[in-house]
């Protein structure tokens, strides 16, 4: 590529032309397939996030139920059960914090991955799509060359 940062190169007659690169379509097809597979991974990640949120809500609900049970059954005779409930509640709070943090991290990763995949797929589509003008613009010259080869005007 020349020093021109616009992706254009000067042609002898003063017109500008886009620089092009020849890439085998088989290689591009492979990249496109990989992008499609990344989309599937993004969908799977979304399902995992939903599952993790459901676990989080279950733990919050269980913790709330334990607190209610503890308030109803608090009695000096049941001190042992109260200790068990308190320990369980502490563990559930720790698990709750960890799952909440993990859920937030997964959601952030999912958004980032989604943006990357969408940009990758769009870029590949632009590379694979050949404008019709690239095909049809050579027809007039081809006709002139054929006529000139046969001695016609």
Protein backbone atom coordinates (compact mmCIF):
# COMPACT_ATOMS: atom_id res chain seq x y z
CA UNK A 1 0.00 0.00 0.00
CA UNK A 2 1.30 3.44 -0.83
CA UNK A 3 1.60 6.24 1.72
CA UNK A 4 -1.95 7.36 0.87
CA UNK A 5 -4.02 6.82 4.01
CA UNK A 6 -7.38 6.92 2.21
CA UNK A 7 -6.90 3.53 0.54
CA UNK A 8 -6.80 5.21 -2.90
CA UNK A 9 -3.96 5.18 -5.38
CA UNK A 10 -3.34 7.57 -8.22
CA UNK A 11 -3.72 6.27 -11.74
CA UNK A 12 -1.64 7.74 -14.57
CA UNK A 13 -4.51 9.74 -16.11
CA UNK A 14 -5.26 11.49 -12.80
CA UNK A 15 -8.23 9.34 -11.77
CA UNK A 16 -8.30 7.68 -8.38
CA UNK A 17 -8.87 3.99 -7.93
CA UNK A 18 -9.47 1.87 -4.83
CA UNK A 19 -6.68 -0.52 -3.95
CA UNK A 20 -7.77 -4.13 -4.05
CA UNK A 21 -6.49 -7.39 -2.67
CA UNK A 22 -7.15 -10.78 -4.19
CA UNK A 23 -8.29 -13.28 -1.59
CA UNK A 24 -9.47 -16.79 -2.33
CA UNK A 25 -13.16 -17.07 -1.61
CA UNK A 26 -12.54 -20.40 0.14
CA UNK A 27 -10.52 -18.54 2.77
CA UNK A 28 -13.18 -15.89 3.15
CA UNK A 29 -15.87 -18.55 3.39
CA UNK A 30 -13.90 -20.16 6.22
CA UNK A 31 -13.74 -16.81 8.06
CA UNK A 32 -17.45 -16.28 7.54
CA UNK A 33 -18.16 -19.76 8.95
CA UNK A 34 -16.04 -18.94 11.99
CA UNK A 35 -18.04 -15.76 12.52
CA UNK A 36 -21.28 -17.75 12.32
CA UNK A 37 -19.90 -20.14 14.94
CA UNK A 38 -19.08 -17.16 17.18
CA UNK A 39 -22.73 -16.11 16.89
CA UNK A 40 -23.74 -19.55 18.18
CA UNK A 41 -21.33 -19.12 21.10
CA UNK A 42 -22.87 -15.73 21.86
CA UNK A 43 -26.34 -17.30 21.99
CA UNK A 44 -25.07 -20.08 24.27
CA UNK A 45 -23.46 -17.49 26.52
CA UNK A 46 -26.78 -15.65 26.77
CA UNK A 47 -28.48 -18.87 27.91
CA UNK A 48 -25.77 -19.43 30.52
CA UNK A 49 -26.29 -15.92 31.83
CA UNK A 50 -30.01 -16.56 32.23
CA UNK A 51 -29.26 -19.81 34.08
CA UNK A 52 -26.86 -18.00 36.39
CA UNK A 53 -29.46 -15.30 37.12
CA UNK A 54 -31.99 -17.99 38.01
CA UNK A 55 -29.52 -19.52 40.49
CA UNK A 56 -28.89 -16.08 41.98
CA UNK A 57 -32.62 -15.48 42.46
CA UNK A 58 -33.03 -18.92 44.04
CA UNK A 59 -30.29 -18.18 46.57
CA UNK A 60 -31.80 -14.79 47.42
CA UNK A 61 -35.18 -16.43 47.92
CA UNK A 62 -33.71 -19.22 50.07
CA UNK A 63 -31.86 -16.71 52.20
CA UNK A 64 -35.06 -14.74 52.75
CA UNK A 65 -36.94 -17.90 53.73
CA UNK A 66 -34.22 -18.83 56.22
CA UNK A 67 -34.44 -15.39 57.85
CA UNK A 68 -38.22 -15.70 58.15
CA UNK A 69 -37.90 -19.20 59.65
CA UNK A 70 -35.25 -17.98 62.07
CA UNK A 71 -37.49 -15.12 63.25
CA UNK A 72 -40.44 -17.47 63.84
CA UNK A 73 -38.50 -20.24 65.61
CA UNK A 74 -36.10 -18.23 67.72
CA UNK A 75 -36.04 -19.84 71.14
CA UNK A 76 -33.19 -20.47 73.55
CA UNK A 77 -33.87 -24.21 73.34
CA UNK A 78 -33.29 -24.06 69.63
CA UNK A 79 -29.93 -22.29 69.82
CA UNK A 80 -28.26 -25.06 67.84
CA UNK A 81 -30.69 -24.65 64.94
CA UNK A 82 -30.17 -20.88 65.07
CA UNK A 83 -26.41 -21.30 64.77
CA UNK A 84 -26.88 -23.57 61.77
CA UNK A 85 -29.21 -21.08 60.15
CA UNK A 86 -26.75 -18.22 60.75
CA UNK A 87 -23.85 -20.18 59.26
CA UNK A 88 -25.98 -21.17 56.29
CA UNK A 89 -27.07 -17.59 55.81
CA UNK A 90 -23.46 -16.39 55.83
CA UNK A 91 -22.51 -18.95 53.21
CA UNK A 92 -25.52 -18.06 51.08
CA UNK A 93 -24.55 -14.38 51.25
CA UNK A 94 -21.04 -15.20 50.10
CA UNK A 95 -22.37 -17.34 47.26
CA UNK A 96 -24.85 -14.60 46.38
CA UNK A 97 -22.06 -11.98 46.13
CA UNK A 98 -19.92 -14.27 43.98
CA UNK A 99 -22.74 -15.18 41.62
CA UNK A 100 -23.82 -11.53 41.32
CA UNK A 101 -20.26 -10.52 40.45
CA UNK A 102 -19.91 -13.38 37.98
CA UNK A 103 -23.24 -12.57 36.35
CA UNK A 104 -22.20 -8.96 35.87
CA UNK A 105 -18.85 -10.02 34.35
CA UNK A 106 -20.56 -12.46 31.97
CA UNK A 107 -23.04 -9.81 30.83
CA UNK A 108 -20.19 -7.39 30.14
CA UNK A 109 -18.26 -10.05 28.23
CA UNK A 110 -21.38 -10.99 26.30
CA UNK A 111 -21.98 -7.39 25.18
CA UNK A 112 -18.34 -7.03 24.13
CA UNK A 113 -18.36 -10.34 22.27
CA UNK A 114 -21.62 -9.40 20.58
CA UNK A 115 -20.18 -6.15 19.27
CA UNK A 116 -17.05 -7.90 18.01
CA UNK A 117 -19.02 -10.61 16.24
CA UNK A 118 -21.45 -8.17 14.63
CA UNK A 119 -18.58 -6.02 13.33
CA UNK A 120 -16.70 -9.09 12.10
CA UNK A 121 -19.71 -10.46 10.22
CA UNK A 122 -20.51 -7.09 8.64
CA UNK A 123 -16.90 -6.66 7.53
CA UNK A 124 -16.87 -10.11 5.97
CA UNK A 125 -20.14 -9.44 4.20
CA UNK A 126 -18.66 -6.27 2.71
CA UNK A 127 -15.59 -8.20 1.55
CA UNK A 128 -17.62 -11.03 0.04
CA UNK A 129 -20.18 -8.85 -1.70
CA UNK A 130 -18.91 -7.89 -5.13
CA UNK A 131 -20.62 -4.82 -6.59
CA UNK A 132 -22.34 -5.52 -9.90
CA UNK A 133 -20.46 -2.57 -11.43
CA UNK A 134 -17.22 -4.54 -11.08
CA UNK A 135 -18.66 -7.12 -13.46
CA UNK A 136 -20.56 -4.88 -15.87
CA UNK A 137 -17.99 -2.11 -16.28
CA UNK A 138 -15.71 -4.38 -18.34
CA UNK A 139 -18.43 -5.28 -20.89
CA UNK A 140 -18.13 -2.14 -23.08
CA UNK A 141 -14.35 -2.53 -23.27
CA UNK A 142 -14.73 -6.24 -24.01
CA UNK A 143 -17.10 -5.45 -26.89
CA UNK A 144 -14.69 -2.82 -28.27
CA UNK A 145 -11.77 -5.24 -28.02
CA UNK A 146 -13.73 -7.99 -29.80
CA UNK A 147 -14.76 -5.63 -32.56
CA UNK A 148 -11.21 -4.36 -32.94
CA UNK A 149 -9.91 -7.91 -33.10
CA UNK A 150 -12.29 -8.64 -36.01
CA UNK A 151 -11.51 -5.39 -37.77
CA UNK A 152 -14.90 -3.79 -37.15
CA UNK A 153 -15.68 -0.34 -35.78
